[in-house]
PDB file of all heavy atoms in Angstrom:
ATOM      1  N   ILE A   1      22.900  44.357   6.715  1.00  0.00           N
ATOM      2  CA  ILE A   1      24.261  44.660   7.162  1.00  0.00           C
ATOM      3  C   ILE A   1      25.292  44.135   6.162  1.00  0.00           C
ATOM      4  O   ILE A   1      26.340  44.745   5.956  1.00  0.00           O
ATOM      5  CB  ILE A   1      24.518  44.061   8.567  1.00  0.00           C
ATOM      6  CG1 ILE A   1      23.590  44.708   9.603  1.00  0.00           C
ATOM      7  CG2 ILE A   1      25.978  44.223   8.981  1.00  0.00           C
ATOM      8  CD1 ILE A   1      23.799  46.202   9.783  1.00  0.00           C
ATOM      9  N   LYS A   2      24.984  43.013   5.538  1.00  0.00           N
ATOM     10  CA  LYS A   2      25.889  42.428   4.542  1.00  0.00           C
ATOM     11  C   LYS A   2      25.668  43.010   3.148  1.00  0.00           C
ATOM     12  O   LYS A   2      26.606  43.129   2.360  1.00  0.00           O
ATOM     13  CB  LYS A   2      25.711  40.915   4.510  1.00  0.00           C
ATOM     14  CG  LYS A   2      26.095  40.219   5.810  1.00  0.00           C
ATOM     15  CD  LYS A   2      25.887  38.708   5.705  1.00  0.00           C
ATOM     16  CE  LYS A   2      26.294  38.015   7.005  1.00  0.00           C
ATOM     17  NZ  LYS A   2      26.074  36.543   6.940  1.00  0.00           N
ATOM     18  N   ILE A   3      24.432  43.368   2.844  1.00  0.00           N
ATOM     19  CA  ILE A   3      24.098  43.838   1.495  1.00  0.00           C
ATOM     20  C   ILE A   3      24.520  45.282   1.264  1.00  0.00           C
ATOM     21  O   ILE A   3      25.059  45.618   0.190  1.00  0.00           O
ATOM     22  CB  ILE A   3      22.583  43.674   1.238  1.00  0.00           C
ATOM     23  CG1 ILE A   3      22.228  42.184   1.177  1.00  0.00           C
ATOM     24  CG2 ILE A   3      22.168  44.379  -0.052  1.00  0.00           C
ATOM     25  CD1 ILE A   3      20.743  41.901   1.148  1.00  0.00           C
ATOM     26  N   ILE A   4      24.316  46.154   2.247  1.00  0.00           N
ATOM     27  CA  ILE A   4      24.595  47.584   2.062  1.00  0.00           C
ATOM     28  C   ILE A   4      26.026  47.856   1.596  1.00  0.00           C
ATOM     29  O   ILE A   4      26.234  48.652   0.665  1.00  0.00           O
ATOM     30  CB  ILE A   4      24.261  48.378   3.339  1.00  0.00           C
ATOM     31  CG1 ILE A   4      22.743  48.382   3.574  1.00  0.00           C
ATOM     32  CG2 ILE A   4      24.767  49.816   3.256  1.00  0.00           C
ATOM     33  CD1 ILE A   4      22.320  48.886   4.937  1.00  0.00           C
ATOM     34  N   PRO A   5      27.050  47.231   2.188  1.00  0.00           N
ATOM     35  CA  PRO A   5      28.427  47.510   1.739  1.00  0.00           C
ATOM     36  C   PRO A   5      28.688  47.117   0.286  1.00  0.00           C
ATOM     37  O   PRO A   5      29.661  47.602  -0.311  1.00  0.00           O
ATOM     38  CB  PRO A   5      29.286  46.672   2.697  1.00  0.00           C
ATOM     39  CG  PRO A   5      28.445  46.507   3.914  1.00  0.00           C
ATOM     40  CD  PRO A   5      27.050  46.372   3.396  1.00  0.00           C
ATOM     41  N   THR A   6      27.856  46.255  -0.285  1.00  0.00           N
ATOM     42  CA  THR A   6      28.059  45.838  -1.677  1.00  0.00           C
ATOM     43  C   THR A   6      27.463  46.839  -2.664  1.00  0.00           C
ATOM     44  O   THR A   6      27.705  46.726  -3.871  1.00  0.00           O
ATOM     45  CB  THR A   6      27.426  44.458  -1.932  1.00  0.00           C
ATOM     46  OG1 THR A   6      25.992  44.559  -1.906  1.00  0.00           O
ATOM     47  CG2 THR A   6      27.888  43.445  -0.895  1.00  0.00           C
ATOM     48  N   LEU A   7      26.692  47.784  -2.169  1.00  0.00           N
ATOM     49  CA  LEU A   7      26.041  48.772  -3.035  1.00  0.00           C
ATOM     50  C   LEU A   7      26.896  50.034  -3.084  1.00  0.00           C
ATOM     51  O   LEU A   7      26.855  50.866  -2.190  1.00  0.00           O
ATOM     52  CB  LEU A   7      24.639  49.087  -2.509  1.00  0.00           C
ATOM     53  CG  LEU A   7      23.699  47.881  -2.351  1.00  0.00           C
ATOM     54  CD1 LEU A   7      22.383  48.308  -1.707  1.00  0.00           C
ATOM     55  CD2 LEU A   7      23.452  47.195  -3.684  1.00  0.00           C
ATOM     56  N   ASN A   8      27.657  50.170  -4.118  1.00  0.00           N
ATOM     57  CA  ASN A   8      28.562  51.326  -4.262  1.00  0.00           C
ATOM     58  C   ASN A   8      27.803  52.489  -4.891  1.00  0.00           C
ATOM     59  O   ASN A   8      28.006  52.847  -6.053  1.00  0.00           O
ATOM     60  CB  ASN A   8      29.771  50.930  -5.105  1.00  0.00           C
ATOM     61  CG  ASN A   8      30.831  52.025  -5.138  1.00  0.00           C
ATOM     62  OD1 ASN A   8      30.908  52.853  -4.222  1.00  0.00           O
ATOM     63  ND2 ASN A   8      31.625  52.044  -6.180  1.00  0.00           N
ATOM     64  N   ILE A   9      26.911  53.067  -4.099  1.00  0.00           N
ATOM     65  CA  ILE A   9      25.990  54.092  -4.590  1.00  0.00           C
ATOM     66  C   ILE A   9      25.953  55.250  -3.609  1.00  0.00           C
ATOM     67  O   ILE A   9      25.985  55.056  -2.397  1.00  0.00           O
ATOM     68  CB  ILE A   9      24.562  53.497  -4.741  1.00  0.00           C
ATOM     69  CG1 ILE A   9      24.550  52.373  -5.789  1.00  0.00           C
ATOM     70  CG2 ILE A   9      23.549  54.586  -5.110  1.00  0.00           C
ATOM     71  CD1 ILE A   9      23.260  51.594  -5.824  1.00  0.00           C
ATOM     72  N   GLU A  10      25.876  56.477  -4.138  1.00  0.00           N
ATOM     73  CA  GLU A  10      25.649  57.645  -3.299  1.00  0.00           C
ATOM     74  C   GLU A  10      24.144  57.876  -3.242  1.00  0.00           C
ATOM     75  O   GLU A  10      23.495  58.090  -4.272  1.00  0.00           O
ATOM     76  CB  GLU A  10      26.352  58.881  -3.862  1.00  0.00           C
ATOM     77  CG  GLU A  10      26.195  60.115  -2.968  1.00  0.00           C
ATOM     78  CD  GLU A  10      26.900  61.341  -3.524  1.00  0.00           C
ATOM     79  OE1 GLU A  10      26.676  61.646  -4.717  1.00  0.00           O
ATOM     80  OE2 GLU A  10      27.649  61.982  -2.775  1.00  0.00           O
ATOM     81  N   TRP A  11      23.590  57.835  -2.030  1.00  0.00           N
ATOM     82  CA  TRP A  11      22.145  57.913  -1.865  1.00  0.00           C
ATOM     83  C   TRP A  11      21.665  59.356  -1.734  1.00  0.00           C
ATOM     84  O   TRP A  11      22.310  60.184  -1.105  1.00  0.00           O
ATOM     85  CB  TRP A  11      21.722  57.128  -0.622  1.00  0.00           C
ATOM     86  CG  TRP A  11      22.210  55.715  -0.604  1.00  0.00           C
ATOM     87  CD1 TRP A  11      23.173  55.183   0.203  1.00  0.00           C
ATOM     88  CD2 TRP A  11      21.784  54.647  -1.455  1.00  0.00           C
ATOM     89  NE1 TRP A  11      23.371  53.859  -0.083  1.00  0.00           N
ATOM     90  CE2 TRP A  11      22.530  53.497  -1.104  1.00  0.00           C
ATOM     91  CE3 TRP A  11      20.831  54.552  -2.484  1.00  0.00           C
ATOM     92  CZ2 TRP A  11      22.359  52.271  -1.740  1.00  0.00           C
ATOM     93  CZ3 TRP A  11      20.661  53.331  -3.110  1.00  0.00           C
ATOM     94  CH2 TRP A  11      21.410  52.214  -2.741  1.00  0.00           C
ATOM     95  N   ASP A  12      20.508  59.616  -2.307  1.00  0.00           N
ATOM     96  CA  ASP A  12      19.843  60.916  -2.149  1.00  0.00           C
ATOM     97  C   ASP A  12      18.832  60.871  -1.010  1.00  0.00           C
ATOM     98  O   ASP A  12      18.570  61.869  -0.349  1.00  0.00           O
ATOM     99  CB  ASP A  12      19.105  61.301  -3.438  1.00  0.00           C
ATOM    100  CG  ASP A  12      20.039  61.400  -4.620  1.00  0.00           C
ATOM    101  OD1 ASP A  12      20.833  62.354  -4.660  1.00  0.00           O
ATOM    102  OD2 ASP A  12      19.975  60.514  -5.497  1.00  0.00           O
ATOM    103  N   LEU A  13      18.265  59.685  -0.801  1.00  0.00           N
ATOM    104  CA  LEU A  13      17.208  59.517   0.187  1.00  0.00           C
ATOM    105  C   LEU A  13      17.282  58.100   0.742  1.00  0.00           C
ATOM    106  O   LEU A  13      17.436  57.136  -0.019  1.00  0.00           O
ATOM    107  CB  LEU A  13      15.837  59.757  -0.465  1.00  0.00           C
ATOM    108  CG  LEU A  13      14.579  59.604   0.392  1.00  0.00           C
ATOM    109  CD1 LEU A  13      14.578  60.609   1.537  1.00  0.00           C
ATOM    110  CD2 LEU A  13      13.323  59.780  -0.475  1.00  0.00           C
ATOM    111  N   ILE A  14      17.188  57.989   2.068  1.00  0.00           N
ATOM    112  CA  ILE A  14      17.228  56.693   2.739  1.00  0.00           C
ATOM    113  C   ILE A  14      16.029  56.592   3.675  1.00  0.00           C
ATOM    114  O   ILE A  14      15.700  57.553   4.376  1.00  0.00           O
ATOM    115  CB  ILE A  14      18.531  56.519   3.557  1.00  0.00           C
ATOM    116  CG1 ILE A  14      19.762  56.562   2.635  1.00  0.00           C
ATOM    117  CG2 ILE A  14      18.511  55.210   4.351  1.00  0.00           C
ATOM    118  CD1 ILE A  14      21.084  56.662   3.388  1.00  0.00           C
ATOM    119  N   PHE A  15      15.386  55.417   3.680  1.00  0.00           N
ATOM    120  CA  PHE A  15      14.293  55.157   4.610  1.00  0.00           C
ATOM    121  C   PHE A  15      14.668  53.959   5.459  1.00  0.00           C
ATOM    122  O   PHE A  15      14.894  52.857   4.945  1.00  0.00           O
ATOM    123  CB  PHE A  15      12.986  54.888   3.865  1.00  0.00           C
ATOM    124  CG  PHE A  15      11.799  54.649   4.765  1.00  0.00           C
ATOM    125  CD1 PHE A  15      11.535  55.477   5.847  1.00  0.00           C
ATOM    126  CD2 PHE A  15      10.922  53.594   4.517  1.00  0.00           C
ATOM    127  CE1 PHE A  15      10.442  55.266   6.679  1.00  0.00           C
ATOM    128  CE2 PHE A  15       9.821  53.364   5.330  1.00  0.00           C
ATOM    129  CZ  PHE A  15       9.584  54.207   6.412  1.00  0.00           C
ATOM    130  N   LEU A  16      14.756  54.167   6.755  1.00  0.00           N
ATOM    131  CA  LEU A  16      15.148  53.133   7.703  1.00  0.00           C
ATOM    132  C   LEU A  16      13.921  52.641   8.464  1.00  0.00           C
ATOM    133  O   LEU A  16      13.322  53.378   9.233  1.00  0.00           O
ATOM    134  CB  LEU A  16      16.198  53.695   8.668  1.00  0.00           C
ATOM    135  CG  LEU A  16      16.655  52.820   9.837  1.00  0.00           C
ATOM    136  CD1 LEU A  16      17.146  51.467   9.354  1.00  0.00           C
ATOM    137  CD2 LEU A  16      17.746  53.548  10.627  1.00  0.00           C
ATOM    138  N   ASP A  17      13.566  51.372   8.240  1.00  0.00           N
ATOM    139  CA  ASP A  17      12.391  50.796   8.887  1.00  0.00           C
ATOM    140  C   ASP A  17      12.602  49.298   9.062  1.00  0.00           C
ATOM    141  O   ASP A  17      11.822  48.483   8.581  1.00  0.00           O
ATOM    142  CB  ASP A  17      11.130  51.068   8.054  1.00  0.00           C
ATOM    143  CG  ASP A  17       9.853  50.654   8.777  1.00  0.00           C
ATOM    144  OD1 ASP A  17       9.906  50.490  10.011  1.00  0.00           O
ATOM    145  OD2 ASP A  17       8.825  50.490   8.110  1.00  0.00           O
ATOM    146  N   ALA A  18      13.682  48.942   9.738  1.00  0.00           N
ATOM    147  CA  ALA A  18      14.034  47.539   9.941  1.00  0.00           C
ATOM    148  C   ALA A  18      14.065  47.231  11.432  1.00  0.00           C
ATOM    149  O   ALA A  18      13.433  47.919  12.222  1.00  0.00           O
ATOM    150  CB  ALA A  18      15.378  47.252   9.266  1.00  0.00           C
ATOM    151  N   ASP A  19      14.810  46.185  11.828  1.00  0.00           N
ATOM    152  CA  ASP A  19      14.888  45.812  13.243  1.00  0.00           C
ATOM    153  C   ASP A  19      15.472  46.957  14.056  1.00  0.00           C
ATOM    154  O   ASP A  19      16.503  47.525  13.704  1.00  0.00           O
ATOM    155  CB  ASP A  19      15.724  44.542  13.412  1.00  0.00           C
ATOM    156  CG  ASP A  19      17.109  44.667  12.814  1.00  0.00           C
ATOM    157  OD1 ASP A  19      17.217  44.765  11.578  1.00  0.00           O
ATOM    158  OD2 ASP A  19      18.087  44.682  13.582  1.00  0.00           O
ATOM    159  N   LYS A  20      14.800  47.283  15.142  1.00  0.00           N
ATOM    160  CA  LYS A  20      15.143  48.494  15.903  1.00  0.00           C
ATOM    161  C   LYS A  20      16.494  48.380  16.606  1.00  0.00           C
ATOM    162  O   LYS A  20      17.182  49.375  16.774  1.00  0.00           O
ATOM    163  CB  LYS A  20      14.041  48.815  16.921  1.00  0.00           C
ATOM    164  CG  LYS A  20      12.636  48.819  16.339  1.00  0.00           C
ATOM    165  CD  LYS A  20      12.534  49.586  15.019  1.00  0.00           C
ATOM    166  CE  LYS A  20      11.233  49.278  14.306  1.00  0.00           C
ATOM    167  NZ  LYS A  20      11.228  49.755  12.901  1.00  0.00           N
ATOM    168  N   THR A  21      16.863  47.171  16.996  1.00  0.00           N
ATOM    169  CA  THR A  21      18.147  46.996  17.674  1.00  0.00           C
ATOM    170  C   THR A  21      19.326  47.250  16.738  1.00  0.00           C
ATOM    171  O   THR A  21      20.444  47.444  17.202  1.00  0.00           O
ATOM    172  CB  THR A  21      18.267  45.582  18.267  1.00  0.00           C
ATOM    173  OG1 THR A  21      18.075  44.610  17.232  1.00  0.00           O
ATOM    174  CG2 THR A  21      17.238  45.361  19.374  1.00  0.00           C
ATOM    175  N   GLY A  22      19.064  47.296  15.448  1.00  0.00           N
ATOM    176  CA  GLY A  22      20.129  47.553  14.478  1.00  0.00           C
ATOM    177  C   GLY A  22      20.159  48.974  13.954  1.00  0.00           C
ATOM    178  O   GLY A  22      20.992  49.304  13.092  1.00  0.00           O
ATOM    179  N   TYR A  23      19.294  49.848  14.467  1.00  0.00           N
ATOM    180  CA  TYR A  23      19.170  51.188  13.904  1.00  0.00           C
ATOM    181  C   TYR A  23      20.489  51.964  13.876  1.00  0.00           C
ATOM    182  O   TYR A  23      20.838  52.584  12.867  1.00  0.00           O
ATOM    183  CB  TYR A  23      18.109  51.982  14.673  1.00  0.00           C
ATOM    184  CG  TYR A  23      16.748  52.005  14.017  1.00  0.00           C
ATOM    185  CD1 TYR A  23      16.295  50.918  13.274  1.00  0.00           C
ATOM    186  CD2 TYR A  23      15.891  53.091  14.144  1.00  0.00           C
ATOM    187  CE1 TYR A  23      15.043  50.923  12.674  1.00  0.00           C
ATOM    188  CE2 TYR A  23      14.636  53.109  13.552  1.00  0.00           C
ATOM    189  CZ  TYR A  23      14.222  52.036  12.818  1.00  0.00           C
ATOM    190  OH  TYR A  23      12.992  52.052  12.226  1.00  0.00           O
ATOM    191  N   ILE A  24      21.215  51.970  14.979  1.00  0.00           N
ATOM    192  CA  ILE A  24      22.460  52.749  15.009  1.00  0.00           C
ATOM    193  C   ILE A  24      23.456  52.188  14.005  1.00  0.00           C
ATOM    194  O   ILE A  24      24.133  52.947  13.292  1.00  0.00           O
ATOM    195  CB  ILE A  24      23.052  52.788  16.431  1.00  0.00           C
ATOM    196  CG1 ILE A  24      22.151  53.623  17.354  1.00  0.00           C
ATOM    197  CG2 ILE A  24      24.474  53.365  16.418  1.00  0.00           C
ATOM    198  CD1 ILE A  24      22.609  53.659  18.805  1.00  0.00           C
ATOM    199  N   GLU A  25      23.532  50.867  13.909  1.00  0.00           N
ATOM    200  CA  GLU A  25      24.464  50.258  12.956  1.00  0.00           C
ATOM    201  C   GLU A  25      24.070  50.574  11.524  1.00  0.00           C
ATOM    202  O   GLU A  25      24.920  50.918  10.691  1.00  0.00           O
ATOM    203  CB  GLU A  25      24.524  48.746  13.161  1.00  0.00           C
ATOM    204  CG  GLU A  25      25.611  48.067  12.343  1.00  0.00           C
ATOM    205  CD  GLU A  25      25.807  46.611  12.695  1.00  0.00           C
ATOM    206  OE1 GLU A  25      25.028  46.074  13.513  1.00  0.00           O
ATOM    207  OE2 GLU A  25      26.756  46.007  12.146  1.00  0.00           O
ATOM    208  N   TYR A  26      22.780  50.502  11.207  1.00  0.00           N
ATOM    209  CA  TYR A  26      22.320  50.864   9.858  1.00  0.00           C
ATOM    210  C   TYR A  26      22.627  52.334   9.567  1.00  0.00           C
ATOM    211  O   TYR A  26      23.059  52.684   8.458  1.00  0.00           O
ATOM    212  CB  TYR A  26      20.805  50.645   9.729  1.00  0.00           C
ATOM    213  CG  TYR A  26      20.365  49.205   9.808  1.00  0.00           C
ATOM    214  CD1 TYR A  26      19.321  48.832  10.659  1.00  0.00           C
ATOM    215  CD2 TYR A  26      20.966  48.220   9.043  1.00  0.00           C
ATOM    216  CE1 TYR A  26      18.899  47.517  10.734  1.00  0.00           C
ATOM    217  CE2 TYR A  26      20.552  46.903   9.118  1.00  0.00           C
ATOM    218  CZ  TYR A  26      19.520  46.556   9.967  1.00  0.00           C
ATOM    219  OH  TYR A  26      19.098  45.249  10.046  1.00  0.00           O
ATOM    220  N   TYR A  27      22.386  53.177  10.535  1.00  0.00           N
ATOM    221  CA  TYR A  27      22.623  54.617  10.386  1.00  0.00           C
ATOM    222  C   TYR A  27      24.092  54.896  10.083  1.00  0.00           C
ATOM    223  O   TYR A  27      24.417  55.630   9.137  1.00  0.00           O
ATOM    224  CB  TYR A  27      22.186  55.314  11.675  1.00  0.00           C
ATOM    225  CG  TYR A  27      22.433  56.798  11.748  1.00  0.00           C
ATOM    226  CD1 TYR A  27      21.569  57.705  11.135  1.00  0.00           C
ATOM    227  CD2 TYR A  27      23.520  57.306  12.461  1.00  0.00           C
ATOM    228  CE1 TYR A  27      21.783  59.075  11.227  1.00  0.00           C
ATOM    229  CE2 TYR A  27      23.739  58.664  12.562  1.00  0.00           C
ATOM    230  CZ  TYR A  27      22.874  59.546  11.941  1.00  0.00           C
ATOM    231  OH  TYR A  27      23.098  60.903  12.041  1.00  0.00           O
ATOM    232  N   GLU A  28      24.971  54.303  10.870  1.00  0.00           N
ATOM    233  CA  GLU A  28      26.404  54.546  10.678  1.00  0.00           C
ATOM    234  C   GLU A  28      26.921  53.918   9.393  1.00  0.00           C
ATOM    235  O   GLU A  28      27.880  54.413   8.795  1.00  0.00           O
ATOM    236  CB  GLU A  28      27.196  54.020  11.878  1.00  0.00           C
ATOM    237  CG  GLU A  28      27.009  54.841  13.146  1.00  0.00           C
ATOM    238  CD  GLU A  28      27.503  56.276  12.998  1.00  0.00           C
ATOM    239  OE1 GLU A  28      28.387  56.527  12.156  1.00  0.00           O
ATOM    240  OE2 GLU A  28      26.982  57.155  13.714  1.00  0.00           O
ATOM    241  N   LEU A  29      26.276  52.866   8.955  1.00  0.00           N
ATOM    242  CA  LEU A  29      26.675  52.200   7.718  1.00  0.00           C
ATOM    243  C   LEU A  29      26.249  52.985   6.486  1.00  0.00           C
ATOM    244  O   LEU A  29      26.940  52.976   5.454  1.00  0.00           O
ATOM    245  CB  LEU A  29      26.050  50.803   7.679  1.00  0.00           C
ATOM    246  CG  LEU A  29      26.588  49.771   6.690  1.00  0.00           C
ATOM    247  CD1 LEU A  29      28.079  49.528   6.904  1.00  0.00           C
ATOM    248  CD2 LEU A  29      25.807  48.473   6.836  1.00  0.00           C
ATOM    249  N   THR A  30      25.126  53.690   6.582  1.00  0.00           N
ATOM    250  CA  THR A  30      24.588  54.375   5.408  1.00  0.00           C
ATOM    251  C   THR A  30      24.891  55.869   5.351  1.00  0.00           C
ATOM    252  O   THR A  30      24.967  56.436   4.254  1.00  0.00           O
ATOM    253  CB  THR A  30      23.056  54.195   5.330  1.00  0.00           C
ATOM    254  OG1 THR A  30      22.454  54.690   6.534  1.00  0.00           O
ATOM    255  CG2 THR A  30      22.700  52.737   5.150  1.00  0.00           C
ATOM    256  N   LEU A  31      25.063  56.522   6.499  1.00  0.00           N
ATOM    257  CA  LEU A  31      25.253  57.973   6.482  1.00  0.00           C
ATOM    258  C   LEU A  31      26.454  58.411   5.630  1.00  0.00           C
ATOM    259  O   LEU A  31      26.350  59.411   4.901  1.00  0.00           O
ATOM    260  CB  LEU A  31      25.383  58.517   7.908  1.00  0.00           C
ATOM    261  CG  LEU A  31      25.324  60.053   7.999  1.00  0.00           C
ATOM    262  CD1 LEU A  31      23.939  60.569   7.628  1.00  0.00           C
ATOM    263  CD2 LEU A  31      25.699  60.526   9.407  1.00  0.00           C
ATOM    264  N   PRO A  32      27.592  57.706   5.670  1.00  0.00           N
ATOM    265  CA  PRO A  32      28.714  58.124   4.818  1.00  0.00           C
ATOM    266  C   PRO A  32      28.386  58.063   3.330  1.00  0.00           C
ATOM    267  O   PRO A  32      29.015  58.764   2.531  1.00  0.00           O
ATOM    268  CB  PRO A  32      29.819  57.119   5.176  1.00  0.00           C
ATOM    269  CG  PRO A  32      29.487  56.659   6.554  1.00  0.00           C
ATOM    270  CD  PRO A  32      27.993  56.614   6.580  1.00  0.00           C
ATOM    271  N   LYS A  33      27.395  57.241   2.957  1.00  0.00           N
ATOM    272  CA  LYS A  33      27.013  57.109   1.552  1.00  0.00           C
ATOM    273  C   LYS A  33      25.853  58.023   1.176  1.00  0.00           C
ATOM    274  O   LYS A  33      25.420  58.029   0.018  1.00  0.00           O
ATOM    275  CB  LYS A  33      26.652  55.658   1.239  1.00  0.00           C
ATOM    276  CG  LYS A  33      27.829  54.694   1.332  1.00  0.00           C
ATOM    277  CD  LYS A  33      27.427  53.295   0.895  1.00  0.00           C
ATOM    278  CE  LYS A  33      28.608  52.347   0.867  1.00  0.00           C
ATOM    279  NZ  LYS A  33      28.237  51.005   0.376  1.00  0.00           N
ATOM    280  N   LEU A  34      25.334  58.758   2.134  1.00  0.00           N
ATOM    281  CA  LEU A  34      24.274  59.726   1.866  1.00  0.00           C
ATOM    282  C   LEU A  34      24.913  61.023   1.413  1.00  0.00           C
ATOM    283  O   LEU A  34      25.834  61.528   2.046  1.00  0.00           O
ATOM    284  CB  LEU A  34      23.439  59.959   3.130  1.00  0.00           C
ATOM    285  CG  LEU A  34      22.273  60.941   3.023  1.00  0.00           C
ATOM    286  CD1 LEU A  34      21.215  60.433   2.061  1.00  0.00           C
ATOM    287  CD2 LEU A  34      21.659  61.191   4.408  1.00  0.00           C
ATOM    288  N   LYS A  35      24.445  61.563   0.309  1.00  0.00           N
ATOM    289  CA  LYS A  35      25.062  62.771  -0.217  1.00  0.00           C
ATOM    290  C   LYS A  35      24.814  63.961   0.709  1.00  0.00           C
ATOM    291  O   LYS A  35      23.848  63.978   1.480  1.00  0.00           O
ATOM    292  CB  LYS A  35      24.551  63.086  -1.624  1.00  0.00           C
ATOM    293  CG  LYS A  35      23.157  63.685  -1.671  1.00  0.00           C
ATOM    294  CD  LYS A  35      22.818  64.127  -3.093  1.00  0.00           C
ATOM    295  CE  LYS A  35      21.491  64.891  -3.126  1.00  0.00           C
ATOM    296  NZ  LYS A  35      21.129  65.331  -4.489  1.00  0.00           N
ATOM    297  N   LYS A  36      25.654  64.952   0.642  1.00  0.00           N
ATOM    298  CA  LYS A  36      25.477  66.171   1.421  1.00  0.00           C
ATOM    299  C   LYS A  36      24.155  66.820   1.027  1.00  0.00           C
ATOM    300  O   LYS A  36      23.861  66.999  -0.154  1.00  0.00           O
ATOM    301  CB  LYS A  36      26.638  67.136   1.168  1.00  0.00           C
ATOM    302  CG  LYS A  36      26.578  68.400   1.999  1.00  0.00           C
ATOM    303  CD  LYS A  36      27.781  69.277   1.749  1.00  0.00           C
ATOM    304  CE  LYS A  36      27.725  70.546   2.596  1.00  0.00           C
ATOM    305  NZ  LYS A  36      28.901  71.418   2.353  1.00  0.00           N
ATOM    306  N   GLY A  37      23.348  67.144   2.008  1.00  0.00           N
ATOM    307  CA  GLY A  37      22.022  67.698   1.740  1.00  0.00           C
ATOM    308  C   GLY A  37      20.959  66.644   1.539  1.00  0.00           C
ATOM    309  O   GLY A  37      19.779  66.974   1.397  1.00  0.00           O
ATOM    310  N   GLY A  38      21.375  65.378   1.530  1.00  0.00           N
ATOM    311  CA  GLY A  38      20.418  64.287   1.371  1.00  0.00           C
ATOM    312  C   GLY A  38      19.652  64.023   2.659  1.00  0.00           C
ATOM    313  O   GLY A  38      20.020  64.508   3.739  1.00  0.00           O
ATOM    314  N   PHE A  39      18.579  63.236   2.536  1.00  0.00           N
ATOM    315  CA  PHE A  39      17.695  62.994   3.670  1.00  0.00           C
ATOM    316  C   PHE A  39      17.654  61.517   4.057  1.00  0.00           C
ATOM    317  O   PHE A  39      17.681  60.643   3.199  1.00  0.00           O
ATOM    318  CB  PHE A  39      16.274  63.457   3.360  1.00  0.00           C
ATOM    319  CG  PHE A  39      16.139  64.944   3.219  1.00  0.00           C
ATOM    320  CD1 PHE A  39      16.170  65.553   1.972  1.00  0.00           C
ATOM    321  CD2 PHE A  39      15.994  65.750   4.342  1.00  0.00           C
ATOM    322  CE1 PHE A  39      16.053  66.927   1.842  1.00  0.00           C
ATOM    323  CE2 PHE A  39      15.872  67.126   4.228  1.00  0.00           C
ATOM    324  CZ  PHE A  39      15.908  67.723   2.977  1.00  0.00           C
TER     325      PHE A  39
END
């Protein structure tokens, strides 16, 4: 949660496999940085 905002990168592919109670927060934190058409 603290590290992701420091990465100023547009992602092509994201794999989410961390603590389940944080899934929605991770998703909302990373989706804006996922490129259109990315997975």
